[in-house]
Amino acid sequence: MTAEEIKEIADNFAAAAKRAVAAGYDGVGTRGARHYLPSKFPTPHDNHRTDQYGGALENRARFLRGTVRAVRGAVGGGFPVRVKINVEDFMADPPTFEDSIKVCRKLAEPGVDAVEVPAGWFNVQSDPDADMAEIYEEFHKKGP
């Protein structure tokens, strides 16, 4: 995916948000979790890019920040913008809990109003031997 295609995707999110405003919705959200495209950029497991969208956390957060910036520009201030982003993927080479919190904080600058922070249970549920209670407890030990 080229940088131009990434910008086009952000523009498409913005156009969709503008349609939501026109349709009378009370707010908009971007799904940056659960294996949707925006979730692929922050995680080193999926993001092997060597350009401005890969490598350091600042770069890996660029897609989400740019998307939020485009959406905020389309809907203006005062219209709620939310992002859903995993804070733990429970997979090999996941974004760390601390990195996920940093990404959430970076989303404030372009204008996100709320962040929904689920954990990436999708991969864990596919393992029939996974002890969900143990994983849940470990996650909550880390704290917000």
N, C-alpha and C. Protein backbone atom coordinates (compact mmCIF):
# COMPACT_ATOMS: atom_id res chain seq x y z
N MET A 1 0.84 -1.16 0.00
CA MET A 1 0.00 0.00 0.00
C MET A 1 0.90 1.24 0.00
N THR A 2 0.66 2.12 -0.93
CA THR A 2 1.48 3.33 -1.05
C THR A 2 0.99 4.42 -0.08
N ALA A 3 1.82 5.43 0.12
CA ALA A 3 1.44 6.56 0.96
C ALA A 3 0.21 7.27 0.37
N GLU A 4 0.13 7.33 -0.94
CA GLU A 4 -1.04 7.95 -1.59
C GLU A 4 -2.30 7.15 -1.31
N GLU A 5 -2.20 5.83 -1.32
CA GLU A 5 -3.36 4.97 -1.02
C GLU A 5 -3.77 5.13 0.45
N ILE A 6 -2.80 5.28 1.33
CA ILE A 6 -3.10 5.49 2.74
C ILE A 6 -3.85 6.81 2.92
N LYS A 7 -3.40 7.86 2.24
CA LYS A 7 -4.11 9.15 2.31
C LYS A 7 -5.53 9.01 1.76
N GLU A 8 -5.68 8.26 0.68
CA GLU A 8 -7.01 8.05 0.10
C GLU A 8 -7.93 7.34 1.10
N ILE A 9 -7.40 6.38 1.83
CA ILE A 9 -8.19 5.67 2.84
C ILE A 9 -8.62 6.64 3.94
N ALA A 10 -7.69 7.47 4.41
CA ALA A 10 -8.04 8.47 5.43
C ALA A 10 -9.11 9.41 4.90
N ASP A 11 -8.99 9.82 3.65
CA ASP A 11 -9.99 10.68 3.02
C ASP A 11 -11.35 9.98 2.94
N ASN A 12 -11.34 8.68 2.69
CA ASN A 12 -12.59 7.90 2.64
C ASN A 12 -13.25 7.83 4.03
N PHE A 13 -12.43 7.66 5.08
CA PHE A 13 -12.98 7.72 6.44
C PHE A 13 -13.62 9.07 6.68
N ALA A 14 -12.95 10.14 6.25
CA ALA A 14 -13.47 11.49 6.43
C ALA A 14 -14.78 11.69 5.68
N ALA A 15 -14.84 11.20 4.45
CA ALA A 15 -16.07 11.33 3.66
C ALA A 15 -17.22 10.56 4.31
N ALA A 16 -16.93 9.39 4.85
CA ALA A 16 -17.95 8.60 5.55
C ALA A 16 -18.44 9.34 6.80
N ALA A 17 -17.51 9.97 7.52
CA ALA A 17 -17.88 10.72 8.72
C ALA A 17 -18.77 11.91 8.35
N LYS A 18 -18.45 12.55 7.25
CA LYS A 18 -19.27 13.68 6.78
C LYS A 18 -20.69 13.22 6.45
N ARG A 19 -20.80 12.03 5.85
CA ARG A 19 -22.12 11.47 5.55
C ARG A 19 -22.88 11.15 6.84
N ALA A 20 -22.16 10.70 7.86
CA ALA A 20 -22.80 10.40 9.14
C ALA A 20 -23.37 11.68 9.77
N VAL A 21 -22.63 12.78 9.68
CA VAL A 21 -23.13 14.06 10.19
C VAL A 21 -24.40 14.45 9.44
N ALA A 22 -24.35 14.35 8.11
CA ALA A 22 -25.50 14.73 7.29
C ALA A 22 -26.72 13.84 7.57
N ALA A 23 -26.46 12.60 7.95
CA ALA A 23 -27.55 11.67 8.23
C ALA A 23 -28.12 11.84 9.64
N GLY A 24 -27.48 12.70 10.45
CA GLY A 24 -28.01 12.98 11.78
C GLY A 24 -27.42 12.13 12.91
N TYR A 25 -26.33 11.45 12.67
CA TYR A 25 -25.71 10.66 13.74
C TYR A 25 -25.14 11.58 14.81
N ASP A 26 -24.99 11.04 16.01
CA ASP A 26 -24.49 11.82 17.15
C ASP A 26 -22.98 11.79 17.29
N GLY A 27 -22.29 10.94 16.52
CA GLY A 27 -20.84 10.82 16.60
C GLY A 27 -20.37 9.77 15.61
N VAL A 28 -19.07 9.65 15.46
CA VAL A 28 -18.49 8.66 14.54
C VAL A 28 -17.34 7.94 15.25
N GLY A 29 -17.02 6.76 14.75
CA GLY A 29 -15.92 5.99 15.32
C GLY A 29 -15.13 5.28 14.25
N THR A 30 -13.87 5.08 14.53
CA THR A 30 -12.97 4.33 13.65
C THR A 30 -12.56 3.07 14.38
N ARG A 31 -12.67 1.93 13.70
CA ARG A 31 -12.29 0.66 14.30
C ARG A 31 -10.81 0.40 14.06
N GLY A 32 -10.01 0.69 15.06
CA GLY A 32 -8.57 0.42 14.99
C GLY A 32 -8.23 -0.81 15.81
N ALA A 33 -9.15 -1.77 15.85
CA ALA A 33 -8.97 -2.99 16.64
C ALA A 33 -9.54 -4.16 15.86
N ARG A 34 -9.34 -5.33 16.41
CA ARG A 34 -9.96 -6.54 15.90
C ARG A 34 -9.64 -6.86 14.44
N HIS A 35 -8.45 -6.59 14.04
CA HIS A 35 -7.95 -6.96 12.72
C HIS A 35 -8.50 -6.14 11.56
N TYR A 36 -9.15 -5.02 11.86
CA TYR A 36 -9.51 -4.08 10.80
C TYR A 36 -8.23 -3.37 10.36
N LEU A 37 -8.22 -2.83 9.16
CA LEU A 37 -7.02 -2.22 8.60
C LEU A 37 -6.30 -1.26 9.56
N PRO A 38 -7.01 -0.31 10.21
CA PRO A 38 -6.28 0.60 11.10
C PRO A 38 -5.53 -0.11 12.23
N SER A 39 -5.94 -1.30 12.59
CA SER A 39 -5.25 -2.04 13.66
C SER A 39 -3.94 -2.65 13.18
N LYS A 40 -3.74 -2.75 11.90
CA LYS A 40 -2.54 -3.39 11.35
C LYS A 40 -1.31 -2.51 11.44
N PHE A 41 -1.50 -1.22 11.53
CA PHE A 41 -0.35 -0.30 11.54
C PHE A 41 0.38 -0.24 12.89
N PRO A 42 -0.32 -0.12 14.03
CA PRO A 42 0.42 0.00 15.29
C PRO A 42 1.16 -1.26 15.73
N THR A 43 0.74 -2.42 15.28
CA THR A 43 1.33 -3.66 15.78
C THR A 43 2.54 -4.12 14.96
N PRO A 44 3.66 -4.35 15.63
CA PRO A 44 4.85 -4.83 14.92
C PRO A 44 4.64 -6.23 14.33
N HIS A 45 3.66 -6.96 14.86
CA HIS A 45 3.36 -8.30 14.32
C HIS A 45 2.93 -8.21 12.86
N ASP A 46 2.16 -7.18 12.53
CA ASP A 46 1.64 -7.03 11.18
C ASP A 46 2.35 -5.97 10.36
N ASN A 47 2.93 -4.99 11.02
CA ASN A 47 3.52 -3.86 10.31
C ASN A 47 5.03 -4.08 10.12
N HIS A 48 5.40 -4.41 8.91
CA HIS A 48 6.81 -4.61 8.57
C HIS A 48 7.29 -3.53 7.60
N ARG A 49 6.59 -2.42 7.58
CA ARG A 49 6.92 -1.34 6.66
C ARG A 49 8.25 -0.70 7.04
N THR A 50 8.91 -0.14 6.05
CA THR A 50 10.19 0.54 6.29
C THR A 50 10.10 2.02 5.92
N ASP A 51 8.88 2.50 5.68
CA ASP A 51 8.69 3.91 5.33
C ASP A 51 8.18 4.68 6.54
N GLN A 52 7.53 5.81 6.31
CA GLN A 52 7.06 6.67 7.40
C GLN A 52 5.91 6.05 8.18
N TYR A 53 5.41 4.87 7.79
CA TYR A 53 4.33 4.19 8.50
C TYR A 53 4.80 2.95 9.24
N GLY A 54 6.10 2.72 9.29
CA GLY A 54 6.62 1.53 9.96
C GLY A 54 7.79 1.86 10.87
N GLY A 55 8.24 0.85 11.59
CA GLY A 55 9.41 1.03 12.47
C GLY A 55 9.03 1.55 13.83
N ALA A 56 9.45 2.77 14.14
CA ALA A 56 9.22 3.37 15.46
C ALA A 56 7.72 3.55 15.73
N LEU A 57 7.37 3.56 16.99
CA LEU A 57 5.97 3.71 17.38
C LEU A 57 5.34 4.97 16.78
N GLU A 58 6.08 6.07 16.78
CA GLU A 58 5.58 7.31 16.19
C GLU A 58 5.12 7.08 14.75
N ASN A 59 5.88 6.32 13.99
CA ASN A 59 5.53 6.02 12.60
C ASN A 59 4.34 5.06 12.52
N ARG A 60 4.35 4.05 13.37
CA ARG A 60 3.27 3.06 13.33
C ARG A 60 1.93 3.67 13.74
N ALA A 61 1.96 4.76 14.52
CA ALA A 61 0.73 5.45 14.93
C ALA A 61 0.26 6.45 13.88
N ARG A 62 1.07 6.70 12.88
CA ARG A 62 0.79 7.74 11.88
C ARG A 62 -0.52 7.50 11.12
N PHE A 63 -0.82 6.27 10.75
CA PHE A 63 -2.05 5.98 10.01
C PHE A 63 -3.27 6.38 10.83
N LEU A 64 -3.33 5.94 12.09
CA LEU A 64 -4.48 6.29 12.94
C LEU A 64 -4.57 7.79 13.19
N ARG A 65 -3.43 8.43 13.46
CA ARG A 65 -3.44 9.88 13.69
C ARG A 65 -3.92 10.61 12.44
N GLY A 66 -3.43 10.20 11.28
CA GLY A 66 -3.86 10.84 10.04
C GLY A 66 -5.33 10.64 9.74
N THR A 67 -5.83 9.45 10.07
CA THR A 67 -7.25 9.17 9.86
C THR A 67 -8.10 10.02 10.80
N VAL A 68 -7.71 10.10 12.06
CA VAL A 68 -8.45 10.93 13.02
C VAL A 68 -8.39 12.40 12.59
N ARG A 69 -7.24 12.85 12.15
CA ARG A 69 -7.10 14.25 11.69
C ARG A 69 -8.05 14.51 10.51
N ALA A 70 -8.11 13.59 9.56
CA ALA A 70 -8.99 13.76 8.40
C ALA A 70 -10.47 13.75 8.81
N VAL A 71 -10.82 12.84 9.70
CA VAL A 71 -12.20 12.77 10.19
C VAL A 71 -12.56 14.04 10.95
N ARG A 72 -11.68 14.48 11.84
CA ARG A 72 -11.94 15.71 12.60
C ARG A 72 -12.11 16.89 11.66
N GLY A 73 -11.29 16.96 10.63
CA GLY A 73 -11.41 18.04 9.65
C GLY A 73 -12.74 18.00 8.92
N ALA A 74 -13.28 16.82 8.70
CA ALA A 74 -14.54 16.67 7.98
C ALA A 74 -15.75 17.01 8.84
N VAL A 75 -15.69 16.68 10.13
CA VAL A 75 -16.87 16.87 10.98
C VAL A 75 -16.80 18.13 11.83
N GLY A 76 -15.61 18.73 11.94
CA GLY A 76 -15.44 19.93 12.75
C GLY A 76 -15.36 19.62 14.23
N GLY A 77 -15.03 20.63 15.01
CA GLY A 77 -14.97 20.47 16.46
C GLY A 77 -16.37 20.33 17.03
N GLY A 78 -16.49 19.75 18.18
CA GLY A 78 -17.80 19.63 18.80
C GLY A 78 -18.61 18.43 18.36
N PHE A 79 -18.14 17.69 17.37
CA PHE A 79 -18.82 16.47 16.95
C PHE A 79 -17.96 15.30 17.43
N PRO A 80 -18.51 14.41 18.26
CA PRO A 80 -17.69 13.35 18.86
C PRO A 80 -17.04 12.40 17.86
N VAL A 81 -15.74 12.19 18.07
CA VAL A 81 -14.95 11.25 17.26
C VAL A 81 -14.31 10.25 18.22
N ARG A 82 -14.55 8.96 17.96
CA ARG A 82 -14.06 7.88 18.82
C ARG A 82 -13.19 6.95 17.99
N VAL A 83 -12.19 6.34 18.64
CA VAL A 83 -11.36 5.32 18.01
C VAL A 83 -11.35 4.09 18.92
N LYS A 84 -11.50 2.94 18.32
CA LYS A 84 -11.37 1.68 19.05
C LYS A 84 -10.00 1.11 18.73
N ILE A 85 -9.18 0.86 19.76
CA ILE A 85 -7.82 0.37 19.54
C ILE A 85 -7.50 -0.69 20.60
N ASN A 86 -6.94 -1.80 20.17
CA ASN A 86 -6.55 -2.84 21.12
C ASN A 86 -5.42 -2.34 22.00
N VAL A 87 -5.44 -2.75 23.26
CA VAL A 87 -4.33 -2.45 24.15
C VAL A 87 -3.48 -3.69 24.40
N GLU A 88 -3.96 -4.83 23.97
CA GLU A 88 -3.21 -6.08 24.12
C GLU A 88 -3.78 -7.06 23.10
N ASP A 89 -2.91 -7.64 22.28
CA ASP A 89 -3.39 -8.56 21.25
C ASP A 89 -3.20 -10.03 21.60
N PHE A 90 -2.44 -10.32 22.65
CA PHE A 90 -2.21 -11.70 23.06
C PHE A 90 -1.72 -12.55 21.90
N MET A 91 -0.74 -12.06 21.17
CA MET A 91 -0.15 -12.79 20.05
C MET A 91 1.36 -12.55 20.07
N ALA A 92 2.04 -13.29 19.23
CA ALA A 92 3.49 -13.10 19.12
C ALA A 92 3.77 -11.69 18.61
N ASP A 93 4.72 -11.00 19.23
CA ASP A 93 5.15 -9.66 18.83
C ASP A 93 4.00 -8.65 18.78
N PRO A 94 3.21 -8.58 19.86
CA PRO A 94 2.09 -7.62 19.86
C PRO A 94 2.58 -6.22 20.18
N PRO A 95 1.71 -5.23 19.98
CA PRO A 95 2.06 -3.93 20.54
C PRO A 95 2.01 -4.12 22.06
N THR A 96 2.94 -3.52 22.77
CA THR A 96 2.92 -3.66 24.23
C THR A 96 1.78 -2.83 24.80
N PHE A 97 1.40 -3.15 26.01
CA PHE A 97 0.38 -2.38 26.72
C PHE A 97 0.80 -0.92 26.78
N GLU A 98 2.06 -0.68 27.12
CA GLU A 98 2.58 0.69 27.24
C GLU A 98 2.55 1.42 25.89
N ASP A 99 2.93 0.73 24.81
CA ASP A 99 2.88 1.35 23.48
C ASP A 99 1.44 1.68 23.08
N SER A 100 0.52 0.79 23.41
CA SER A 100 -0.88 1.04 23.06
C SER A 100 -1.40 2.28 23.77
N ILE A 101 -1.01 2.45 25.04
CA ILE A 101 -1.41 3.65 25.78
C ILE A 101 -0.81 4.89 25.14
N LYS A 102 0.45 4.80 24.71
CA LYS A 102 1.09 5.94 24.03
C LYS A 102 0.35 6.30 22.75
N VAL A 103 -0.07 5.29 21.98
CA VAL A 103 -0.83 5.54 20.75
C VAL A 103 -2.14 6.24 21.10
N CYS A 104 -2.82 5.75 22.12
CA CYS A 104 -4.08 6.38 22.53
C CYS A 104 -3.85 7.85 22.87
N ARG A 105 -2.78 8.15 23.57
CA ARG A 105 -2.49 9.54 23.94
C ARG A 105 -2.16 10.38 22.71
N LYS A 106 -1.48 9.78 21.73
CA LYS A 106 -1.13 10.50 20.50
C LYS A 106 -2.38 10.86 19.69
N LEU A 107 -3.48 10.15 19.90
CA LEU A 107 -4.70 10.42 19.16
C LEU A 107 -5.41 11.67 19.66
N ALA A 108 -5.02 12.18 20.83
CA ALA A 108 -5.64 13.40 21.34
C ALA A 108 -5.28 14.61 20.49
N GLU A 109 -4.04 14.65 20.01
CA GLU A 109 -3.57 15.81 19.23
C GLU A 109 -4.42 16.05 17.98
N PRO A 110 -4.73 15.03 17.18
CA PRO A 110 -5.56 15.31 16.00
C PRO A 110 -7.05 15.44 16.32
N GLY A 111 -7.45 15.22 17.57
CA GLY A 111 -8.82 15.54 17.93
C GLY A 111 -9.75 14.40 18.29
N VAL A 112 -9.24 13.26 18.73
CA VAL A 112 -10.14 12.19 19.15
C VAL A 112 -10.75 12.56 20.50
N ASP A 113 -12.03 12.26 20.67
CA ASP A 113 -12.72 12.59 21.91
C ASP A 113 -12.76 11.42 22.88
N ALA A 114 -12.76 10.21 22.35
CA ALA A 114 -12.86 9.02 23.21
C ALA A 114 -12.12 7.87 22.55
N VAL A 115 -11.59 7.00 23.40
CA VAL A 115 -10.89 5.81 22.93
C VAL A 115 -11.52 4.60 23.62
N GLU A 116 -11.95 3.65 22.83
CA GLU A 116 -12.45 2.38 23.36
C GLU A 116 -11.28 1.41 23.34
N VAL A 117 -11.03 0.74 24.45
CA VAL A 117 -9.82 -0.07 24.57
C VAL A 117 -10.13 -1.54 24.91
N PRO A 118 -10.53 -2.31 23.93
CA PRO A 118 -10.73 -3.74 24.17
C PRO A 118 -9.38 -4.46 24.16
N ALA A 119 -9.40 -5.70 24.55
CA ALA A 119 -8.21 -6.56 24.42
C ALA A 119 -8.45 -7.50 23.25
N GLY A 120 -7.39 -7.94 22.62
CA GLY A 120 -7.49 -8.75 21.40
C GLY A 120 -7.83 -10.20 21.64
N TRP A 121 -9.00 -10.47 22.13
CA TRP A 121 -9.39 -11.84 22.45
C TRP A 121 -9.54 -12.71 21.22
N PHE A 122 -9.64 -12.13 20.05
CA PHE A 122 -9.86 -12.90 18.81
C PHE A 122 -8.86 -14.04 18.66
N ASN A 123 -7.57 -13.73 18.82
CA ASN A 123 -6.54 -14.75 18.65
C ASN A 123 -6.54 -15.76 19.78
N VAL A 124 -6.85 -15.32 20.99
CA VAL A 124 -6.84 -16.22 22.13
C VAL A 124 -7.99 -17.21 22.04
N GLN A 125 -9.15 -16.76 21.60
CA GLN A 125 -10.31 -17.63 21.53
C GLN A 125 -10.10 -18.78 20.56
N SER A 126 -9.22 -18.61 19.60
CA SER A 126 -8.99 -19.69 18.64
C SER A 126 -8.15 -20.81 19.24
N ASP A 127 -7.60 -20.61 20.43
CA ASP A 127 -6.81 -21.62 21.12
C ASP A 127 -7.70 -22.31 22.16
N PRO A 128 -8.12 -23.54 21.89
CA PRO A 128 -9.04 -24.21 22.82
C PRO A 128 -8.42 -24.49 24.19
N ASP A 129 -7.09 -24.43 24.29
CA ASP A 129 -6.42 -24.69 25.56
C ASP A 129 -6.17 -23.42 26.37
N ALA A 130 -6.53 -22.27 25.82
CA ALA A 130 -6.28 -21.00 26.51
C ALA A 130 -7.15 -20.90 27.75
N ASP A 131 -6.56 -20.48 28.84
CA ASP A 131 -7.28 -20.26 30.09
C ASP A 131 -7.67 -18.79 30.13
N MET A 132 -8.91 -18.49 29.74
CA MET A 132 -9.35 -17.11 29.61
C MET A 132 -9.30 -16.38 30.95
N ALA A 133 -9.62 -17.05 32.04
CA ALA A 133 -9.59 -16.39 33.35
C ALA A 133 -8.16 -15.95 33.68
N GLU A 134 -7.18 -16.81 33.39
CA GLU A 134 -5.78 -16.47 33.67
C GLU A 134 -5.33 -15.28 32.82
N ILE A 135 -5.71 -15.28 31.55
CA ILE A 135 -5.34 -14.19 30.65
C ILE A 135 -6.01 -12.89 31.10
N TYR A 136 -7.27 -12.97 31.48
CA TYR A 136 -8.00 -11.80 31.95
C TYR A 136 -7.33 -11.21 33.19
N GLU A 137 -6.98 -12.06 34.15
CA GLU A 137 -6.33 -11.60 35.37
C GLU A 137 -4.98 -10.95 35.07
N GLU A 138 -4.20 -11.56 34.18
CA GLU A 138 -2.89 -11.00 33.83
C GLU A 138 -3.05 -9.62 33.19
N PHE A 139 -4.03 -9.50 32.33
CA PHE A 139 -4.28 -8.22 31.68
C PHE A 139 -4.61 -7.15 32.72
N HIS A 140 -5.47 -7.47 33.65
CA HIS A 140 -5.91 -6.48 34.64
C HIS A 140 -4.84 -6.17 35.67
N LYS A 141 -3.84 -7.03 35.85
CA LYS A 141 -2.73 -6.73 36.74
C LYS A 141 -1.91 -5.56 36.21
N LYS A 142 -1.88 -5.41 34.88
CA LYS A 142 -1.09 -4.35 34.26
C LYS A 142 -1.69 -2.98 34.52
N GLY A 143 -2.99 -2.92 34.69
CA GLY A 143 -3.66 -1.66 35.00
C GLY A 143 -3.72 -0.71 33.82
N PRO A 144 -4.55 0.35 33.97
CA PRO A 144 -4.70 1.33 32.87
C PRO A 144 -3.50 2.25 32.75
